[in-house]
C-alpha atoms as a PDB file:
ATOM      1  CA  MET A   1     -20.782  11.858 -15.435  1.00  0.00           C
ATOM      2  CA  GLY A   2     -20.608  14.415 -12.690  1.00  0.00           C
ATOM      3  CA  ILE A   3     -17.724  15.069 -10.375  1.00  0.00           C
ATOM      4  CA  LEU A   4     -19.559  13.493  -7.434  1.00  0.00           C
ATOM      5  CA  GLU A   5     -20.008  10.195  -9.270  1.00  0.00           C
ATOM      6  CA  PHE A   6     -16.365  10.245 -10.341  1.00  0.00           C
ATOM      7  CA  VAL A   7     -15.067  10.846  -6.808  1.00  0.00           C
ATOM      8  CA  THR A   8     -17.416   8.206  -5.411  1.00  0.00           C
ATOM      9  CA  SER A   9     -16.214   5.615  -7.903  1.00  0.00           C
ATOM     10  CA  ILE A  10     -12.536   6.404  -7.184  1.00  0.00           C
ATOM     11  CA  VAL A  11     -13.107   6.109  -3.425  1.00  0.00           C
ATOM     12  CA  ALA A  12     -14.939   2.800  -3.891  1.00  0.00           C
ATOM     13  CA  MET A  13     -12.106   1.380  -6.013  1.00  0.00           C
ATOM     14  CA  VAL A  14      -9.445   2.475  -3.529  1.00  0.00           C
ATOM     15  CA  LEU A  15     -11.359   1.019  -0.584  1.00  0.00           C
ATOM     16  CA  GLY A  16     -11.835  -2.234  -2.464  1.00  0.00           C
ATOM     17  CA  ALA A  17      -8.124  -2.459  -3.284  1.00  0.00           C
ATOM     18  CA  VAL A  18      -7.153  -1.715   0.324  1.00  0.00           C
ATOM     19  CA  THR A  19      -9.535  -4.387   1.580  1.00  0.00           C
ATOM     20  CA  VAL A  20      -8.073  -7.007  -0.759  1.00  0.00           C
ATOM     21  CA  TRP A  21      -4.539  -5.941   0.204  1.00  0.00           C
ATOM     22  CA  ILE A  22      -5.292  -6.298   3.931  1.00  0.00           C
ATOM     23  CA  LEU A  23      -6.864  -9.715   3.417  1.00  0.00           C
ATOM     24  CA  LEU A  24      -3.827 -10.908   1.466  1.00  0.00           C
ATOM     25  CA  LEU A  25      -1.467  -9.655   4.172  1.00  0.00           C
ATOM     26  CA  ARG A  26      -3.428 -11.431   6.891  1.00  0.00           C
ATOM     27  CA  LYS A  27      -3.465 -14.622   4.853  1.00  0.00           C
ATOM     28  CA  GLY A  28       0.328 -14.468   4.489  1.00  0.00           C
ATOM     29  CA  LYS A  29       0.885 -14.134   8.242  1.00  0.00           C
ATOM     30  CA  ARG A  30      -0.699 -17.401   9.274  1.00  0.00           C
ATOM     31  CA  SER A  31       0.956 -19.071  12.209  1.00  0.00           C
ATOM     32  CA  VAL A  32       2.741 -22.373  11.918  1.00  0.00           C
ATOM     33  CA  ARG A  33       0.311 -25.204  12.431  1.00  0.00           C
ATOM     34  CA  ILE A  34       1.447 -28.092  14.596  1.00  0.00           C
ATOM     35  CA  GLU A  35       0.175 -31.333  13.203  1.00  0.00           C
ATOM     36  CA  PRO A  36      -0.919 -34.112  15.575  1.00  0.00           C
ATOM     37  CA  ASP A  37       1.707 -36.473  14.180  1.00  0.00           C
ATOM     38  CA  GLY A  38       4.516 -33.968  14.835  1.00  0.00           C
ATOM     39  CA  LYS A  39       5.117 -32.992  11.199  1.00  0.00           C
ATOM     40  CA  TYR A  40       5.882 -29.371  10.422  1.00  0.00           C
ATOM     41  CA  ASN A  41       5.935 -27.419   7.213  1.00  0.00           C
ATOM     42  CA  MET A  42       9.674 -26.853   6.837  1.00  0.00           C
ATOM     43  CA  GLY A  43       9.173 -23.905   4.497  1.00  0.00           C
ATOM     44  CA  GLU A  44       7.112 -22.042   7.097  1.00  0.00           C
ATOM     45  CA  LEU A  45       9.566 -22.879   9.870  1.00  0.00           C
ATOM     46  CA  SER A  46      12.490 -21.705   7.742  1.00  0.00           C
ATOM     47  CA  ALA A  47      10.724 -18.424   6.929  1.00  0.00           C
ATOM     48  CA  MET A  48       9.964 -17.865  10.616  1.00  0.00           C
ATOM     49  CA  ALA A  49      13.596 -18.536  11.546  1.00  0.00           C
ATOM     50  CA  GLU A  50      14.805 -16.021   8.949  1.00  0.00           C
ATOM     51  CA  SER A  51      12.312 -13.442  10.189  1.00  0.00           C
ATOM     52  CA  LEU A  52      13.391 -13.938  13.805  1.00  0.00           C
ATOM     53  CA  THR A  53      17.061 -13.668  12.816  1.00  0.00           C
ATOM     54  CA  GLU A  54      16.364 -10.354  11.073  1.00  0.00           C
ATOM     55  CA  ARG A  55      14.508  -9.070  14.148  1.00  0.00           C
ATOM     56  CA  ILE A  56      17.377 -10.039  16.445  1.00  0.00           C
ATOM     57  CA  ASP A  57      19.868  -8.277  14.158  1.00  0.00           C
ATOM     58  CA  ILE A  58      17.729  -5.135  14.175  1.00  0.00           C
ATOM     59  CA  LEU A  59      17.369  -5.208  17.977  1.00  0.00           C
ATOM     60  CA  GLU A  60      21.118  -5.684  18.401  1.00  0.00           C
ATOM     61  CA  SER A  61      21.850  -2.758  16.089  1.00  0.00           C
ATOM     62  CA  ILE A  62      19.459  -0.568  18.098  1.00  0.00           C
ATOM     63  CA  LEU A  63      21.133  -1.640  21.336  1.00  0.00           C
ATOM     64  CA  ASP A  64      24.578  -0.987  19.832  1.00  0.00           C
ATOM     65  CA  ALA A  65      23.479   2.559  18.970  1.00  0.00           C
ATOM     66  CA  GLU A  66      21.736   3.295  22.268  1.00  0.00           C
ATOM     67  CA  VAL A  67      23.877   1.356  24.766  1.00  0.00           C
ATOM     68  CA  PRO A  68      27.345   0.797  23.236  1.00  0.00           C
ATOM     69  CA  ASP A  69      28.628  -1.484  26.019  1.00  0.00           C
ATOM     70  CA  TRP A  70      25.520  -3.636  26.439  1.00  0.00           C
ATOM     71  CA  ARG A  71      27.327  -6.754  25.263  1.00  0.00           C
ATOM     72  CA  GLU A  72      30.025  -6.440  27.933  1.00  0.00           C
ATOM     73  CA  GLN A  73      27.419  -5.743  30.611  1.00  0.00           C
ATOM     74  CA  ASN A  74      25.463  -8.821  29.538  1.00  0.00           C
ATOM     75  CA  GLU A  75      28.555 -11.062  29.538  1.00  0.00           C
ATOM     76  CA  HIS A  76      29.486  -9.989  33.080  1.00  0.00           C
ATOM     77  CA  GLY A  77      25.966 -10.703  34.307  1.00  0.00           C
ATOM     78  CA  GLN A  78      25.999 -14.271  32.960  1.00  0.00           C
ATOM     79  CA  GLN A  79      29.350 -15.312  34.484  1.00  0.00           C
END
């Protein structure tokens, strides 16, 4: 087996693994489906709520670092 065949086989395996990985990631990020009868998958809704909570916490920590008094400014604007 020559070096060219070896490199080609390694590249093919890596590309195949990356393709499968991308497909699995896309499958995991499906949106919540709204059923006609109003039923929701509570597991999906719970996971989305946890994800949104984490995002809000991250955004607030960024704001705290960049604009230390943003909370006070926001409270004054709402009153």
